[in-house]
C-alpha atoms as a PDB file:
ATOM      1  CA  MET A   1       5.905   2.273 -12.471  1.00  0.00           C
ATOM      2  CA  GLN A   2       4.137   4.530 -14.950  1.00  0.00           C
ATOM      3  CA  TRP A   3       5.145   2.341 -18.069  1.00  0.00           C
ATOM      4  CA  LEU A   4       4.426  -1.075 -16.092  1.00  0.00           C
ATOM      5  CA  HIS A   5       1.003   0.156 -15.265  1.00  0.00           C
ATOM      6  CA  ARG A   6       0.269   1.405 -18.680  1.00  0.00           C
ATOM      7  CA  LEU A   7       1.136  -2.135 -20.044  1.00  0.00           C
ATOM      8  CA  LEU A   8      -0.257  -3.992 -17.016  1.00  0.00           C
ATOM      9  CA  PRO A   9      -3.520  -1.875 -15.551  1.00  0.00           C
ATOM     10  CA  ASP A  10      -4.386  -4.904 -13.269  1.00  0.00           C
ATOM     11  CA  LEU A  11      -0.936  -4.313 -11.320  1.00  0.00           C
ATOM     12  CA  VAL A  12      -0.810  -4.154  -7.771  1.00  0.00           C
ATOM     13  CA  VAL A  13       2.307  -2.845  -6.250  1.00  0.00           C
ATOM     14  CA  LEU A  14       3.386  -4.711  -3.439  1.00  0.00           C
ATOM     15  CA  PRO A  15       5.425  -3.088  -1.262  1.00  0.00           C
ATOM     16  CA  ALA A  16       7.692  -4.662   1.249  1.00  0.00           C
ATOM     17  CA  HIS A  17       7.319  -4.111   4.783  1.00  0.00           C
ATOM     18  CA  ASP A  18       4.496  -2.095   4.396  1.00  0.00           C
ATOM     19  CA  ASP A  19       2.610  -1.620   7.369  1.00  0.00           C
ATOM     20  CA  THR A  20       0.183   1.091   6.109  1.00  0.00           C
ATOM     21  CA  PRO A  21      -3.358   0.059   5.628  1.00  0.00           C
ATOM     22  CA  TYR A  22      -2.630  -0.842   2.025  1.00  0.00           C
ATOM     23  CA  GLY A  23      -0.363  -3.256   2.667  1.00  0.00           C
ATOM     24  CA  GLU A  24      -2.043  -5.017   5.751  1.00  0.00           C
ATOM     25  CA  LEU A  25      -5.424  -4.899   3.301  1.00  0.00           C
ATOM     26  CA  LEU A  26      -3.197  -6.549   0.640  1.00  0.00           C
ATOM     27  CA  VAL A  27      -1.387  -9.128   2.592  1.00  0.00           C
ATOM     28  CA  ARG A  28      -4.305 -10.529   4.428  1.00  0.00           C
ATOM     29  CA  ASP A  29      -6.904 -10.556   1.273  1.00  0.00           C
ATOM     30  CA  LEU A  30      -4.106 -12.456  -0.266  1.00  0.00           C
ATOM     31  CA  LEU A  31      -3.801 -15.030   2.474  1.00  0.00           C
ATOM     32  CA  ALA A  32      -7.523 -15.397   2.974  1.00  0.00           C
ATOM     33  CA  HIS A  33      -7.758 -16.203  -0.862  1.00  0.00           C
ATOM     34  CA  ASP A  34      -5.135 -18.571  -1.625  1.00  0.00           C
ATOM     35  CA  GLY A  35      -2.480 -15.986  -3.118  1.00  0.00           C
ATOM     36  CA  ARG A  36      -5.317 -14.189  -5.108  1.00  0.00           C
ATOM     37  CA  LEU A  37      -7.000 -11.262  -4.590  1.00  0.00           C
ATOM     38  CA  SER A  38     -10.769 -11.171  -4.228  1.00  0.00           C
ATOM     39  CA  PRO A  39     -12.390  -8.637  -6.511  1.00  0.00           C
ATOM     40  CA  ASP A  40     -13.301  -6.180  -3.851  1.00  0.00           C
ATOM     41  CA  ALA A  41     -10.156  -6.112  -2.655  1.00  0.00           C
ATOM     42  CA  PHE A  42      -8.774  -5.277  -5.836  1.00  0.00           C
ATOM     43  CA  VAL A  43     -11.127  -2.062  -6.114  1.00  0.00           C
ATOM     44  CA  GLU A  44     -10.065  -1.078  -2.846  1.00  0.00           C
ATOM     45  CA  LEU A  45      -6.503  -1.531  -3.083  1.00  0.00           C
ATOM     46  CA  LYS A  46      -6.152   0.641  -6.897  1.00  0.00           C
ATOM     47  CA  GLU A  47      -8.553   2.974  -5.239  1.00  0.00           C
ATOM     48  CA  TYR A  48      -6.146   3.345  -2.230  1.00  0.00           C
ATOM     49  CA  GLU A  49      -3.390   3.729  -5.077  1.00  0.00           C
ATOM     50  CA  ALA A  50      -4.978   6.302  -6.577  1.00  0.00           C
ATOM     51  CA  THR A  51      -5.059   8.541  -3.598  1.00  0.00           C
ATOM     52  CA  THR A  52      -1.390   7.731  -2.915  1.00  0.00           C
ATOM     53  CA  PHE A  53       0.194   8.133  -5.741  1.00  0.00           C
ATOM     54  CA  ASP A  54      -0.038  10.867  -9.044  1.00  0.00           C
ATOM     55  CA  ALA A  55      -0.045  10.319 -12.498  1.00  0.00           C
ATOM     56  CA  ALA A  56       3.940  10.227 -12.232  1.00  0.00           C
ATOM     57  CA  TYR A  57       3.647   7.430  -9.937  1.00  0.00           C
ATOM     58  CA  ARG A  58       5.230  10.160  -7.236  1.00  0.00           C
ATOM     59  CA  LEU A  59       4.014   9.639  -3.710  1.00  0.00           C
ATOM     60  CA  ASN A  60       1.245  12.216  -2.713  1.00  0.00           C
ATOM     61  CA  PRO A  61       2.935  14.481   0.111  1.00  0.00           C
ATOM     62  CA  ALA A  62       0.081  13.617   2.196  1.00  0.00           C
ATOM     63  CA  ARG A  63       0.201  10.216   2.127  1.00  0.00           C
ATOM     64  CA  ARG A  64       3.907   9.896   2.929  1.00  0.00           C
ATOM     65  CA  PRO A  65       4.469   7.632   6.049  1.00  0.00           C
ATOM     66  CA  ARG A  66       6.046   9.464   9.048  1.00  0.00           C
ATOM     67  CA  CYS A  67       7.916   7.579  11.729  1.00  0.00           C
ATOM     68  CA  VAL A  68       6.147   7.896  15.572  1.00  0.00           C
ATOM     69  CA  ALA A  69       8.124   7.512  18.631  1.00  0.00           C
ATOM     70  CA  ASP A  70       7.441   4.749  20.942  1.00  0.00           C
ATOM     71  CA  PRO A  71       4.711   6.649  23.160  1.00  0.00           C
ATOM     72  CA  ALA A  72       6.303   4.451  26.158  1.00  0.00           C
ATOM     73  CA  GLY A  73      10.302   5.917  25.570  1.00  0.00           C
ATOM     74  CA  GLY A  74      11.223   2.756  23.844  1.00  0.00           C
ATOM     75  CA  THR A  75      14.015   2.725  21.071  1.00  0.00           C
ATOM     76  CA  LEU A  76      11.626   1.485  18.681  1.00  0.00           C
ATOM     77  CA  GLY A  77       8.752   3.699  16.969  1.00  0.00           C
ATOM     78  CA  SER A  78       6.323   2.834  14.039  1.00  0.00           C
ATOM     79  CA  VAL A  79       5.050   4.123  10.784  1.00  0.00           C
ATOM     80  CA  ALA A  80       2.198   5.708  10.517  1.00  0.00           C
END
């Protein structure tokens, strides 16, 4: 990831099945703009990325997703 970001500074990572605010914003903006990011969304995503990953592209421990049990007691929880 470090190498890719040095080579392609405008790279935006699109994680599969990302139910985080990053993934939701990315998908919503891509759908709204015919598969291209708006300049505002690009800035917001890069800011989110900078707070989510360190320089070695390791996940910031405070931003790690965590599993949340279903409050109704069902078998499926969610990711927060």
